[in-house]
Amino acid sequence: MGRYNKKEKSTKKRNVVLFSALSAVLLALLFLPKDALLMGNEEEEPAKKESKEPKHKVVKLQPDNESAYEDEEESSESSQAAKEEEQEPSQEIGIDPEKEADKKEKAKKAEEEKKEQAAEAKKKEQAASQPKINEPIGTSQTGTHTSSYEEGSVDWNEKLKAIRLATGLDENMTVWKIANGGGPQKSVAEVSPDGKPGERYTVNLEWVDQKGWKVTSVKK
């Protein structure tokens, strides 16, 4: 009998423990917040939503360094639109045919004037380079003329100018002599190009009243 009493006691204890545990679980469920019960469902919902999103994404960095996502289809559509805009012909500003023709005419006239001026300048240059013989060169002297052989005087410088115009030599020519040419209003000179003493010119000059010196002959 003693053994059976012990077994009954242990069984009752175990039942009491189980009953107490079940009671505690029930009480915990009764007082547990509803939000905790819904957490499991809420955690599953994002996974479902993510599964519905497109697999391929294009990441673009915004100015505030936040990431914005855009579908590949939208990106391709925008690039296609940009290409179409580039292919569209740009609107040209209307050109007035009359004004355009007037501009061309003016440009043509200006070009012709330039050519004429260049040709005129070339003629003058050629005329200046040609020897002036038997033609007075002009003078700044007035009154009665007296031939001067003083280097640097007005008359001396006008003689040199007449010699240069007749020979085509420049201001660097070498003057070997300027002397009396057989009369008070006549002179003779010997000159040569700078650095070429062997190429001497003999130049005869004669004074013309109010018109200056003229070269009557040049011998080389």
N, C-alpha and C. Protein backbone atom coordinates (compact mmCIF):
# COMPACT_ATOMS: atom_id res chain seq x y z
N MET A 1 0.83 -1.19 0.00
CA MET A 1 0.00 0.00 0.00
C MET A 1 0.88 1.26 0.00
N GLY A 2 1.97 1.15 0.64
CA GLY A 2 2.87 2.30 0.72
C GLY A 2 3.39 2.72 -0.64
N ARG A 3 3.66 1.73 -1.46
CA ARG A 3 4.18 2.04 -2.79
C ARG A 3 3.14 2.79 -3.61
N TYR A 4 1.90 2.38 -3.58
CA TYR A 4 0.84 3.01 -4.37
C TYR A 4 0.60 4.43 -3.92
N ASN A 5 0.74 4.68 -2.67
CA ASN A 5 0.55 6.03 -2.16
C ASN A 5 1.65 6.97 -2.71
N LYS A 6 2.84 6.43 -2.74
CA LYS A 6 3.95 7.25 -3.27
C LYS A 6 3.73 7.60 -4.74
N LYS A 7 3.29 6.60 -5.54
CA LYS A 7 3.05 6.85 -6.97
C LYS A 7 1.95 7.87 -7.16
N GLU A 8 0.90 7.77 -6.41
CA GLU A 8 -0.20 8.73 -6.55
C GLU A 8 0.26 10.12 -6.20
N LYS A 9 1.09 10.22 -5.15
CA LYS A 9 1.59 11.54 -4.77
C LYS A 9 2.46 12.16 -5.86
N SER A 10 3.35 11.34 -6.46
CA SER A 10 4.23 11.87 -7.51
C SER A 10 3.43 12.27 -8.75
N THR A 11 2.40 11.48 -9.06
CA THR A 11 1.54 11.80 -10.21
C THR A 11 0.81 13.10 -9.98
N LYS A 12 0.30 13.30 -8.75
CA LYS A 12 -0.42 14.54 -8.43
C LYS A 12 0.53 15.75 -8.54
N LYS A 13 1.73 15.58 -8.05
CA LYS A 13 2.70 16.68 -8.13
C LYS A 13 2.98 17.07 -9.59
N ARG A 14 3.16 16.04 -10.40
CA ARG A 14 3.46 16.30 -11.81
C ARG A 14 2.31 16.99 -12.49
N ASN A 15 1.08 16.53 -12.14
CA ASN A 15 -0.09 17.16 -12.75
C ASN A 15 -0.20 18.62 -12.31
N VAL A 16 0.13 18.84 -11.05
CA VAL A 16 0.07 20.21 -10.54
C VAL A 16 1.06 21.10 -11.29
N VAL A 17 2.29 20.57 -11.53
CA VAL A 17 3.31 21.34 -12.23
C VAL A 17 2.88 21.66 -13.65
N LEU A 18 2.36 20.67 -14.34
CA LEU A 18 1.90 20.86 -15.72
C LEU A 18 0.77 21.87 -15.78
N PHE A 19 -0.16 21.73 -14.81
CA PHE A 19 -1.29 22.64 -14.78
C PHE A 19 -0.83 24.07 -14.54
N SER A 20 0.15 24.18 -13.66
CA SER A 20 0.68 25.52 -13.38
C SER A 20 1.36 26.13 -14.61
N ALA A 21 2.12 25.29 -15.34
CA ALA A 21 2.82 25.77 -16.54
C ALA A 21 1.83 26.20 -17.61
N LEU A 22 0.78 25.38 -17.79
CA LEU A 22 -0.24 25.72 -18.79
C LEU A 22 -0.96 27.00 -18.43
N SER A 23 -1.24 27.14 -17.12
CA SER A 23 -1.93 28.34 -16.66
C SER A 23 -1.07 29.58 -16.93
N ALA A 24 0.23 29.45 -16.68
CA ALA A 24 1.13 30.60 -16.92
C ALA A 24 1.18 30.97 -18.39
N VAL A 25 1.19 29.96 -19.28
CA VAL A 25 1.22 30.22 -20.72
C VAL A 25 -0.06 30.91 -21.15
N LEU A 26 -1.19 30.45 -20.65
CA LEU A 26 -2.48 31.06 -21.01
C LEU A 26 -2.54 32.50 -20.53
N LEU A 27 -2.08 32.70 -19.31
CA LEU A 27 -2.09 34.08 -18.79
C LEU A 27 -1.18 34.99 -19.63
N ALA A 28 -0.03 34.45 -20.04
CA ALA A 28 0.89 35.25 -20.85
C ALA A 28 0.27 35.61 -22.19
N LEU A 29 -0.44 34.65 -22.79
CA LEU A 29 -1.10 34.92 -24.07
C LEU A 29 -2.21 35.94 -23.93
N LEU A 30 -2.91 35.88 -22.81
CA LEU A 30 -4.01 36.83 -22.59
C LEU A 30 -3.50 38.25 -22.46
N PHE A 31 -2.40 38.39 -21.74
CA PHE A 31 -1.88 39.75 -21.50
C PHE A 31 -0.83 40.21 -22.53
N LEU A 32 -0.46 39.37 -23.48
CA LEU A 32 0.54 39.74 -24.50
C LEU A 32 -0.08 40.74 -25.49
N PRO A 33 0.59 41.86 -25.87
CA PRO A 33 0.04 42.87 -26.80
C PRO A 33 -0.23 42.25 -28.18
N LYS A 34 -1.30 42.79 -28.80
CA LYS A 34 -1.66 42.31 -30.14
C LYS A 34 -0.56 42.60 -31.17
N ASP A 35 0.19 43.70 -30.97
CA ASP A 35 1.26 44.06 -31.92
C ASP A 35 2.30 42.96 -32.02
N ALA A 36 2.56 42.31 -30.87
CA ALA A 36 3.56 41.23 -30.88
C ALA A 36 3.07 40.06 -31.69
N LEU A 37 1.74 39.82 -31.65
CA LEU A 37 1.19 38.71 -32.42
C LEU A 37 1.23 38.98 -33.92
N LEU A 38 1.14 40.29 -34.28
CA LEU A 38 1.12 40.65 -35.70
C LEU A 38 2.50 40.80 -36.30
N MET A 39 3.54 40.78 -35.45
CA MET A 39 4.90 41.00 -35.96
C MET A 39 5.30 39.96 -37.00
N GLY A 40 4.90 38.73 -36.74
CA GLY A 40 5.27 37.67 -37.68
C GLY A 40 4.70 37.93 -39.06
N ASN A 41 3.43 38.40 -39.12
CA ASN A 41 2.80 38.67 -40.41
C ASN A 41 3.43 39.86 -41.11
N GLU A 42 3.77 40.91 -40.27
CA GLU A 42 4.37 42.10 -40.85
C GLU A 42 5.74 41.81 -41.43
N GLU A 43 6.48 40.90 -40.81
CA GLU A 43 7.81 40.57 -41.32
C GLU A 43 7.73 39.83 -42.64
N GLU A 44 6.62 39.09 -42.83
CA GLU A 44 6.48 38.35 -44.08
C GLU A 44 6.05 39.25 -45.24
N GLU A 45 5.29 40.35 -44.91
CA GLU A 45 4.76 41.20 -45.97
C GLU A 45 5.84 41.86 -46.81
N PRO A 46 6.92 42.43 -46.20
CA PRO A 46 7.95 43.04 -47.05
C PRO A 46 8.58 42.07 -48.02
N ALA A 47 8.71 40.82 -47.58
CA ALA A 47 9.30 39.83 -48.47
C ALA A 47 8.42 39.61 -49.68
N LYS A 48 7.08 39.60 -49.41
CA LYS A 48 6.15 39.42 -50.53
C LYS A 48 6.21 40.61 -51.47
N LYS A 49 6.26 41.85 -50.88
CA LYS A 49 6.31 43.05 -51.71
C LYS A 49 7.57 43.08 -52.55
N GLU A 50 8.68 42.68 -51.94
CA GLU A 50 9.95 42.68 -52.67
C GLU A 50 9.92 41.72 -53.84
N SER A 51 9.20 40.62 -53.67
CA SER A 51 9.13 39.65 -54.74
C SER A 51 8.38 40.19 -55.95
N LYS A 52 7.46 41.19 -55.69
CA LYS A 52 6.71 41.77 -56.79
C LYS A 52 7.50 42.82 -57.55
N GLU A 53 8.53 43.41 -56.94
CA GLU A 53 9.32 44.45 -57.59
C GLU A 53 10.14 43.87 -58.75
N PRO A 54 10.44 44.68 -59.78
CA PRO A 54 11.29 44.19 -60.89
C PRO A 54 12.65 43.75 -60.39
N LYS A 55 13.20 42.73 -61.03
CA LYS A 55 14.48 42.19 -60.60
C LYS A 55 15.63 43.15 -60.89
N HIS A 56 15.59 43.87 -62.03
CA HIS A 56 16.69 44.74 -62.45
C HIS A 56 16.39 46.18 -62.07
N LYS A 57 17.34 46.82 -61.44
CA LYS A 57 17.20 48.22 -61.04
C LYS A 57 18.41 49.01 -61.53
N VAL A 58 18.19 50.31 -61.76
CA VAL A 58 19.27 51.22 -62.09
C VAL A 58 19.41 52.21 -60.96
N VAL A 59 20.59 52.29 -60.37
CA VAL A 59 20.82 53.15 -59.22
C VAL A 59 21.39 54.47 -59.72
N LYS A 60 20.77 55.57 -59.32
CA LYS A 60 21.27 56.91 -59.66
C LYS A 60 21.49 57.70 -58.39
N LEU A 61 22.64 58.30 -58.26
CA LEU A 61 22.95 59.12 -57.09
C LEU A 61 22.37 60.51 -57.27
N GLN A 62 21.53 60.91 -56.34
CA GLN A 62 20.93 62.24 -56.36
C GLN A 62 21.90 63.25 -55.75
N PRO A 63 21.65 64.55 -55.93
CA PRO A 63 22.55 65.57 -55.36
C PRO A 63 22.71 65.46 -53.86
N ASP A 64 21.69 64.95 -53.13
CA ASP A 64 21.81 64.83 -51.67
C ASP A 64 22.39 63.49 -51.26
N ASN A 65 23.02 62.78 -52.27
CA ASN A 65 23.68 61.50 -52.01
C ASN A 65 22.71 60.40 -51.63
N GLU A 66 21.40 60.60 -51.85
CA GLU A 66 20.43 59.54 -51.62
C GLU A 66 20.32 58.71 -52.88
N SER A 67 19.99 57.45 -52.74
CA SER A 67 19.88 56.55 -53.88
C SER A 67 18.45 56.54 -54.38
N ALA A 68 18.25 56.77 -55.68
CA ALA A 68 16.93 56.69 -56.28
C ALA A 68 16.94 55.56 -57.29
N TYR A 69 15.90 54.79 -57.31
CA TYR A 69 15.82 53.64 -58.17
C TYR A 69 14.87 53.92 -59.33
N GLU A 70 15.28 53.44 -60.49
CA GLU A 70 14.48 53.67 -61.68
C GLU A 70 14.51 52.41 -62.52
N ASP A 71 13.40 52.02 -63.02
CA ASP A 71 13.32 50.82 -63.84
C ASP A 71 14.12 50.99 -65.11
N GLU A 72 14.64 49.88 -65.62
CA GLU A 72 15.41 49.92 -66.85
C GLU A 72 14.55 50.38 -68.02
N GLU A 73 13.28 50.07 -68.00
CA GLU A 73 12.41 50.48 -69.09
C GLU A 73 12.30 51.98 -69.14
N GLU A 74 12.14 52.65 -67.97
CA GLU A 74 12.05 54.10 -67.92
C GLU A 74 13.35 54.73 -68.43
N SER A 75 14.49 54.14 -68.04
CA SER A 75 15.77 54.67 -68.46
C SER A 75 15.93 54.57 -69.97
N SER A 76 15.54 53.45 -70.55
CA SER A 76 15.65 53.28 -71.99
C SER A 76 14.73 54.23 -72.73
N GLU A 77 13.53 54.46 -72.15
CA GLU A 77 12.59 55.39 -72.79
C GLU A 77 13.15 56.81 -72.81
N SER A 78 13.75 57.24 -71.69
CA SER A 78 14.31 58.59 -71.64
C SER A 78 15.48 58.75 -72.60
N SER A 79 16.33 57.70 -72.72
CA SER A 79 17.46 57.79 -73.65
C SER A 79 16.98 57.82 -75.09
N GLN A 80 15.90 57.06 -75.37
CA GLN A 80 15.34 57.07 -76.72
C GLN A 80 14.78 58.45 -77.06
N ALA A 81 14.12 59.08 -76.06
CA ALA A 81 13.56 60.42 -76.28
C ALA A 81 14.68 61.42 -76.56
N ALA A 82 15.80 61.29 -75.82
CA ALA A 82 16.93 62.20 -76.02
C ALA A 82 17.51 62.04 -77.43
N LYS A 83 17.59 60.78 -77.91
CA LYS A 83 18.11 60.55 -79.25
C LYS A 83 17.19 61.18 -80.30
N GLU A 84 15.88 61.04 -80.09
CA GLU A 84 14.93 61.62 -81.04
C GLU A 84 15.06 63.13 -81.10
N GLU A 85 15.29 63.75 -79.91
CA GLU A 85 15.45 65.21 -79.88
C GLU A 85 16.70 65.63 -80.64
N GLU A 86 17.77 64.82 -80.51
CA GLU A 86 19.01 65.16 -81.23
C GLU A 86 18.84 65.03 -82.73
N GLN A 87 18.02 64.03 -83.14
CA GLN A 87 17.83 63.80 -84.56
C GLN A 87 16.92 64.83 -85.20
N GLU A 88 16.08 65.48 -84.39
CA GLU A 88 15.18 66.48 -84.94
C GLU A 88 15.98 67.66 -85.49
N PRO A 89 15.68 68.11 -86.69
CA PRO A 89 16.41 69.26 -87.27
C PRO A 89 16.15 70.50 -86.47
N SER A 90 17.23 71.27 -86.22
CA SER A 90 17.10 72.51 -85.48
C SER A 90 16.43 73.56 -86.34
N GLN A 91 15.63 74.38 -85.70
CA GLN A 91 14.92 75.42 -86.42
C GLN A 91 15.89 76.52 -86.82
N GLU A 92 16.03 76.73 -88.09
CA GLU A 92 16.93 77.76 -88.59
C GLU A 92 16.23 79.11 -88.64
N ILE A 93 16.97 80.12 -88.32
CA ILE A 93 16.41 81.46 -88.38
C ILE A 93 16.23 81.84 -89.85
N GLY A 94 15.11 82.40 -90.15
CA GLY A 94 14.80 82.75 -91.53
C GLY A 94 15.79 83.75 -92.09
N ILE A 95 16.25 83.53 -93.32
CA ILE A 95 17.22 84.40 -93.98
C ILE A 95 16.50 85.14 -95.11
N ASP A 96 16.67 86.44 -95.09
CA ASP A 96 16.06 87.27 -96.13
C ASP A 96 16.94 87.20 -97.38
N PRO A 97 16.44 86.66 -98.48
CA PRO A 97 17.26 86.53 -99.70
C PRO A 97 17.78 87.88 -100.20
N GLU A 98 16.97 88.94 -100.09
CA GLU A 98 17.38 90.25 -100.57
C GLU A 98 18.55 90.80 -99.76
N LYS A 99 18.45 90.66 -98.42
CA LYS A 99 19.54 91.14 -97.57
C LYS A 99 20.81 90.34 -97.81
N GLU A 100 20.65 89.03 -98.00
CA GLU A 100 21.82 88.18 -98.24
C GLU A 100 22.50 88.57 -99.55
N ALA A 101 21.70 88.85 -100.59
CA ALA A 101 22.25 89.26 -101.88
C ALA A 101 22.94 90.62 -101.77
N ASP A 102 22.34 91.51 -100.96
CA ASP A 102 22.93 92.84 -100.77
C ASP A 102 24.29 92.73 -100.08
N LYS A 103 24.38 91.85 -99.08
CA LYS A 103 25.65 91.63 -98.39
C LYS A 103 26.72 91.12 -99.34
N LYS A 104 26.34 90.16 -100.17
CA LYS A 104 27.30 89.60 -101.13
C LYS A 104 27.77 90.67 -102.12
N GLU A 105 26.84 91.52 -102.55
CA GLU A 105 27.19 92.57 -103.49
C GLU A 105 28.18 93.56 -102.87
N LYS A 106 27.91 93.93 -101.60
CA LYS A 106 28.80 94.86 -100.90
C LYS A 106 30.19 94.25 -100.72
N ALA A 107 30.23 92.96 -100.36
CA ALA A 107 31.52 92.29 -100.18
C ALA A 107 32.29 92.24 -101.49
N LYS A 108 31.56 92.02 -102.59
CA LYS A 108 32.20 91.97 -103.91
C LYS A 108 32.79 93.33 -104.28
N LYS A 109 32.03 94.40 -104.02
CA LYS A 109 32.51 95.74 -104.32
C LYS A 109 33.74 96.10 -103.49
N ALA A 110 33.69 95.72 -102.20
CA ALA A 110 34.84 96.00 -101.33
C ALA A 110 36.09 95.27 -101.82
N GLU A 111 35.91 94.03 -102.29
CA GLU A 111 37.04 93.26 -102.81
C GLU A 111 37.60 93.91 -104.08
N GLU A 112 36.71 94.39 -104.94
CA GLU A 112 37.16 95.05 -106.17
C GLU A 112 37.91 96.35 -105.86
N GLU A 113 37.41 97.11 -104.87
CA GLU A 113 38.09 98.34 -104.48
C GLU A 113 39.49 98.06 -103.95
N LYS A 114 39.62 96.99 -103.17
CA LYS A 114 40.95 96.62 -102.66
C LYS A 114 41.90 96.29 -103.80
N LYS A 115 41.40 95.56 -104.78
CA LYS A 115 42.24 95.21 -105.92
C LYS A 115 42.67 96.46 -106.69
N GLU A 116 41.72 97.38 -106.87
CA GLU A 116 42.05 98.62 -107.58
C GLU A 116 43.10 99.44 -106.83
N GLN A 117 42.93 99.53 -105.50
CA GLN A 117 43.90 100.27 -104.69
C GLN A 117 45.28 99.64 -104.76
N ALA A 118 45.32 98.30 -104.72
CA ALA A 118 46.60 97.60 -104.81
C ALA A 118 47.27 97.84 -106.16
N ALA A 119 46.45 97.83 -107.24
CA ALA A 119 47.01 98.07 -108.57
C ALA A 119 47.53 99.51 -108.70
N GLU A 120 46.80 100.47 -108.11
CA GLU A 120 47.24 101.86 -108.16
C GLU A 120 48.53 102.07 -107.39
N ALA A 121 48.61 101.43 -106.21
CA ALA A 121 49.84 101.55 -105.42
C ALA A 121 51.03 100.94 -106.15
N LYS A 122 50.77 99.83 -106.87
CA LYS A 122 51.85 99.20 -107.63
C LYS A 122 52.32 100.10 -108.77
N LYS A 123 51.37 100.79 -109.42
CA LYS A 123 51.75 101.71 -110.50
C LYS A 123 52.60 102.85 -109.97
N LYS A 124 52.19 103.39 -108.83
CA LYS A 124 52.96 104.49 -108.23
C LYS A 124 54.37 104.03 -107.85
N GLU A 125 54.45 102.82 -107.34
CA GLU A 125 55.75 102.28 -106.95
C GLU A 125 56.66 102.10 -108.16
N GLN A 126 56.06 101.59 -109.24
CA GLN A 126 56.84 101.41 -110.46
C GLN A 126 57.29 102.75 -111.04
N ALA A 127 56.37 103.73 -110.96
CA ALA A 127 56.71 105.06 -111.49
C ALA A 127 57.81 105.71 -110.66
N ALA A 128 57.77 105.49 -109.34
CA ALA A 128 58.78 106.07 -108.47
C ALA A 128 60.14 105.42 -108.68
N SER A 129 60.10 104.10 -109.03
CA SER A 129 61.36 103.40 -109.21
C SER A 129 62.03 103.72 -110.55
N GLN A 130 61.26 104.24 -111.49
CA GLN A 130 61.83 104.57 -112.79
C GLN A 130 62.67 105.86 -112.69
N PRO A 131 63.81 105.91 -113.35
CA PRO A 131 64.67 107.11 -113.30
C PRO A 131 63.94 108.33 -113.82
N LYS A 132 64.08 109.43 -113.10
CA LYS A 132 63.50 110.69 -113.54
C LYS A 132 64.60 111.55 -114.16
N ILE A 133 64.57 111.61 -115.45
CA ILE A 133 65.57 112.40 -116.19
C ILE A 133 64.87 113.50 -116.97
N ASN A 134 65.52 114.65 -116.97
CA ASN A 134 64.96 115.83 -117.65
C ASN A 134 63.60 116.23 -117.06
N GLU A 135 63.45 116.00 -115.80
CA GLU A 135 62.21 116.38 -115.12
C GLU A 135 62.56 117.00 -113.76
N PRO A 136 62.28 118.28 -113.56
CA PRO A 136 62.63 118.91 -112.27
C PRO A 136 61.89 118.21 -111.12
N ILE A 137 62.57 118.11 -110.00
CA ILE A 137 61.99 117.39 -108.86
C ILE A 137 61.24 118.31 -107.91
N GLY A 138 61.23 119.62 -108.16
CA GLY A 138 60.61 120.57 -107.25
C GLY A 138 61.62 121.11 -106.26
N THR A 139 61.28 122.22 -105.61
CA THR A 139 62.21 122.83 -104.66
C THR A 139 61.48 123.62 -103.59
N SER A 140 62.13 123.78 -102.46
CA SER A 140 61.60 124.62 -101.38
C SER A 140 62.30 125.99 -101.36
N GLN A 141 63.26 126.16 -102.30
CA GLN A 141 64.04 127.41 -102.34
C GLN A 141 63.27 128.50 -103.11
N THR A 142 63.45 129.71 -102.66
CA THR A 142 62.80 130.86 -103.32
C THR A 142 63.86 131.94 -103.62
N GLY A 143 63.48 132.85 -104.48
CA GLY A 143 64.40 133.94 -104.81
C GLY A 143 65.48 133.49 -105.77
N THR A 144 66.53 134.29 -105.83
CA THR A 144 67.65 133.98 -106.73
C THR A 144 68.38 132.74 -106.23
N HIS A 145 68.61 131.80 -107.17
CA HIS A 145 69.23 130.54 -106.78
C HIS A 145 70.75 130.62 -106.88
N THR A 146 71.43 130.10 -105.87
CA THR A 146 72.89 129.98 -105.89
C THR A 146 73.24 128.54 -105.56
N SER A 147 73.95 127.87 -106.47
CA SER A 147 74.32 126.47 -106.26
C SER A 147 75.24 126.34 -105.04
N SER A 148 74.93 125.39 -104.17
CA SER A 148 75.72 125.19 -102.95
C SER A 148 76.35 123.80 -102.97
N TYR A 149 77.59 123.74 -102.53
CA TYR A 149 78.30 122.47 -102.44
C TYR A 149 78.65 122.16 -100.99
N GLU A 150 77.91 122.79 -100.10
CA GLU A 150 78.12 122.54 -98.68
C GLU A 150 77.25 121.36 -98.25
N GLU A 151 77.89 120.33 -97.76
CA GLU A 151 77.17 119.12 -97.37
C GLU A 151 76.15 119.45 -96.28
N GLY A 152 74.89 118.99 -96.48
CA GLY A 152 73.83 119.21 -95.50
C GLY A 152 72.98 120.42 -95.78
N SER A 153 73.39 121.29 -96.74
CA SER A 153 72.58 122.46 -97.06
C SER A 153 71.33 122.03 -97.84
N VAL A 154 70.36 122.96 -97.98
CA VAL A 154 69.12 122.65 -98.69
C VAL A 154 69.42 122.31 -100.15
N ASP A 155 70.24 123.10 -100.78
CA ASP A 155 70.56 122.88 -102.19
C ASP A 155 71.28 121.54 -102.38
N TRP A 156 72.21 121.25 -101.45
CA TRP A 156 72.95 119.98 -101.51
C TRP A 156 71.98 118.79 -101.39
N ASN A 157 71.07 118.86 -100.45
CA ASN A 157 70.12 117.76 -100.25
C ASN A 157 69.18 117.59 -101.45
N GLU A 158 68.83 118.72 -102.11
CA GLU A 158 67.97 118.60 -103.29
C GLU A 158 68.73 117.98 -104.46
N LYS A 159 70.03 118.26 -104.55
CA LYS A 159 70.85 117.59 -105.57
C LYS A 159 70.85 116.07 -105.34
N LEU A 160 71.05 115.65 -104.07
CA LEU A 160 71.06 114.21 -103.74
C LEU A 160 69.72 113.55 -104.08
N LYS A 161 68.63 114.25 -103.82
CA LYS A 161 67.31 113.71 -104.13
C LYS A 161 67.16 113.49 -105.63
N ALA A 162 67.59 114.47 -106.42
CA ALA A 162 67.50 114.34 -107.88
C ALA A 162 68.36 113.18 -108.37
N ILE A 163 69.54 113.00 -107.77
CA ILE A 163 70.43 111.89 -108.15
C ILE A 163 69.78 110.54 -107.83
N ARG A 164 69.20 110.42 -106.64
CA ARG A 164 68.57 109.15 -106.24
C ARG A 164 67.41 108.80 -107.18
N LEU A 165 66.59 109.80 -107.52
CA LEU A 165 65.45 109.55 -108.40
C LEU A 165 65.89 109.15 -109.80
N ALA A 166 67.04 109.65 -110.22
CA ALA A 166 67.51 109.34 -111.57
C ALA A 166 68.22 107.99 -111.65
N THR A 167 68.88 107.60 -110.59
CA THR A 167 69.66 106.34 -110.59
C THR A 167 68.92 105.16 -109.95
N GLY A 168 67.93 105.48 -109.12
CA GLY A 168 67.23 104.42 -108.40
C GLY A 168 67.96 103.95 -107.16
N LEU A 169 69.02 104.64 -106.77
CA LEU A 169 69.76 104.29 -105.56
C LEU A 169 69.04 104.82 -104.33
N ASP A 170 69.35 104.23 -103.16
CA ASP A 170 68.69 104.67 -101.92
C ASP A 170 69.57 105.67 -101.17
N GLU A 171 69.15 106.02 -99.97
CA GLU A 171 69.86 107.03 -99.19
C GLU A 171 71.24 106.56 -98.73
N ASN A 172 71.48 105.24 -98.79
CA ASN A 172 72.77 104.71 -98.35
C ASN A 172 73.83 104.71 -99.45
N MET A 173 73.52 105.33 -100.61
CA MET A 173 74.50 105.37 -101.70
C MET A 173 75.76 106.13 -101.25
N THR A 174 76.84 105.80 -101.89
CA THR A 174 78.11 106.46 -101.59
C THR A 174 78.31 107.63 -102.56
N VAL A 175 78.51 108.81 -102.03
CA VAL A 175 78.74 110.01 -102.86
C VAL A 175 80.24 110.26 -102.93
N TRP A 176 80.78 110.12 -104.14
CA TRP A 176 82.21 110.32 -104.31
C TRP A 176 82.52 111.80 -104.53
N LYS A 177 81.64 112.50 -105.24
CA LYS A 177 81.86 113.95 -105.43
C LYS A 177 80.58 114.60 -105.97
N ILE A 178 80.41 115.87 -105.69
CA ILE A 178 79.43 116.73 -106.35
C ILE A 178 80.17 118.04 -106.62
N ALA A 179 80.30 118.37 -107.88
CA ALA A 179 81.13 119.54 -108.25
C ALA A 179 80.41 120.36 -109.33
N ASN A 180 81.07 121.49 -109.67
CA ASN A 180 80.54 122.36 -110.72
C ASN A 180 80.55 121.60 -112.04
N GLY A 181 79.42 121.69 -112.74
CA GLY A 181 79.29 120.94 -113.99
C GLY A 181 79.53 121.78 -115.24
N GLY A 182 80.18 122.94 -115.12
CA GLY A 182 80.48 123.75 -116.29
C GLY A 182 79.71 125.04 -116.32
N GLY A 183 79.00 125.39 -115.23
CA GLY A 183 78.27 126.65 -115.18
C GLY A 183 77.70 126.84 -113.79
N PRO A 184 77.26 128.10 -113.48
CA PRO A 184 76.77 128.38 -112.12
C PRO A 184 75.51 127.58 -111.75
N GLN A 185 74.73 127.16 -112.76
CA GLN A 185 73.51 126.41 -112.47
C GLN A 185 73.61 124.96 -112.96
N LYS A 186 74.86 124.47 -113.06
CA LYS A 186 75.07 123.07 -113.47
C LYS A 186 75.99 122.38 -112.47
N SER A 187 75.74 121.06 -112.29
CA SER A 187 76.58 120.27 -111.37
C SER A 187 76.79 118.89 -111.96
N VAL A 188 77.86 118.23 -111.50
CA VAL A 188 78.15 116.86 -111.89
C VAL A 188 78.47 116.07 -110.63
N ALA A 189 78.02 114.83 -110.59
CA ALA A 189 78.22 114.01 -109.38
C ALA A 189 78.66 112.61 -109.77
N GLU A 190 79.43 111.98 -108.85
CA GLU A 190 79.80 110.57 -108.99
C GLU A 190 79.32 109.84 -107.74
N VAL A 191 78.50 108.80 -107.97
CA VAL A 191 77.93 108.04 -106.84
C VAL A 191 77.97 106.55 -107.17
N SER A 192 77.80 105.72 -106.15
CA SER A 192 77.75 104.27 -106.34
C SER A 192 76.86 103.64 -105.28
N PRO A 193 76.34 102.44 -105.51
CA PRO A 193 75.53 101.76 -104.50
C PRO A 193 76.37 101.49 -103.25
N ASP A 194 75.72 101.41 -102.11
CA ASP A 194 76.41 101.17 -100.85
C ASP A 194 77.14 99.83 -100.89
N GLY A 195 78.44 99.85 -100.62
CA GLY A 195 79.22 98.62 -100.61
C GLY A 195 79.68 98.16 -101.98
N LYS A 196 79.39 98.93 -103.05
CA LYS A 196 79.80 98.54 -104.41
C LYS A 196 80.52 99.72 -105.08
N PRO A 197 81.72 99.98 -104.66
CA PRO A 197 82.45 101.15 -105.20
C PRO A 197 82.76 101.02 -106.69
N GLY A 198 82.78 99.80 -107.22
CA GLY A 198 83.10 99.62 -108.63
C GLY A 198 81.94 100.00 -109.55
N GLU A 199 80.71 100.09 -109.04
CA GLU A 199 79.55 100.44 -109.87
C GLU A 199 79.25 101.94 -109.71
N ARG A 200 80.03 102.76 -110.39
CA ARG A 200 79.89 104.21 -110.24
C ARG A 200 78.98 104.79 -111.32
N TYR A 201 78.19 105.77 -110.90
CA TYR A 201 77.32 106.51 -111.82
C TYR A 201 77.85 107.95 -111.93
N THR A 202 77.92 108.46 -113.17
CA THR A 202 78.23 109.87 -113.39
C THR A 202 76.93 110.57 -113.76
N VAL A 203 76.54 111.53 -112.93
CA VAL A 203 75.23 112.16 -113.08
C VAL A 203 75.43 113.66 -113.33
N ASN A 204 74.80 114.18 -114.40
CA ASN A 204 74.84 115.61 -114.72
C ASN A 204 73.49 116.24 -114.33
N LEU A 205 73.57 117.38 -113.64
CA LEU A 205 72.36 118.06 -113.16
C LEU A 205 72.33 119.50 -113.67
N GLU A 206 71.11 120.02 -113.78
CA GLU A 206 70.92 121.41 -114.20
C GLU A 206 69.74 122.00 -113.42
N TRP A 207 69.92 123.27 -113.02
CA TRP A 207 68.88 123.94 -112.23
C TRP A 207 67.84 124.57 -113.14
N VAL A 208 66.55 124.43 -112.75
CA VAL A 208 65.44 125.08 -113.45
C VAL A 208 64.79 126.02 -112.45
N ASP A 209 64.72 127.32 -112.77
CA ASP A 209 64.17 128.30 -111.83
C ASP A 209 62.77 127.93 -111.37
N GLN A 210 62.55 128.04 -110.08
CA GLN A 210 61.27 127.80 -109.40
C GLN A 210 60.81 126.34 -109.47
N LYS A 211 61.60 125.47 -110.14
CA LYS A 211 61.18 124.06 -110.28
C LYS A 211 62.19 123.06 -109.71
N GLY A 212 63.42 123.54 -109.48
CA GLY A 212 64.39 122.68 -108.85
C GLY A 212 65.36 122.03 -109.81
N TRP A 213 66.17 121.10 -109.27
CA TRP A 213 67.18 120.42 -110.06
C TRP A 213 66.55 119.31 -110.91
N LYS A 214 67.17 119.15 -112.11
CA LYS A 214 66.79 118.04 -112.96
C LYS A 214 68.06 117.35 -113.45
N VAL A 215 67.99 116.05 -113.63
CA VAL A 215 69.13 115.28 -114.13
C VAL A 215 69.03 115.24 -115.65
N THR A 216 70.09 115.65 -116.29
CA THR A 216 70.10 115.67 -117.77
C THR A 216 70.67 114.40 -118.37
N SER A 217 71.55 113.68 -117.59
CA SER A 217 72.10 112.43 -118.11
C SER A 217 72.66 111.60 -116.96
N VAL A 218 72.67 110.26 -117.18
CA VAL A 218 73.24 109.32 -116.21
C VAL A 218 74.12 108.35 -116.99
N LYS A 219 75.39 108.24 -116.59
CA LYS A 219 76.30 107.31 -117.22
C LYS A 219 76.84 106.36 -116.15
N LYS A 220 76.89 105.08 -116.50
CA LYS A 220 77.37 104.08 -115.55
C LYS A 220 78.69 103.50 -116.05
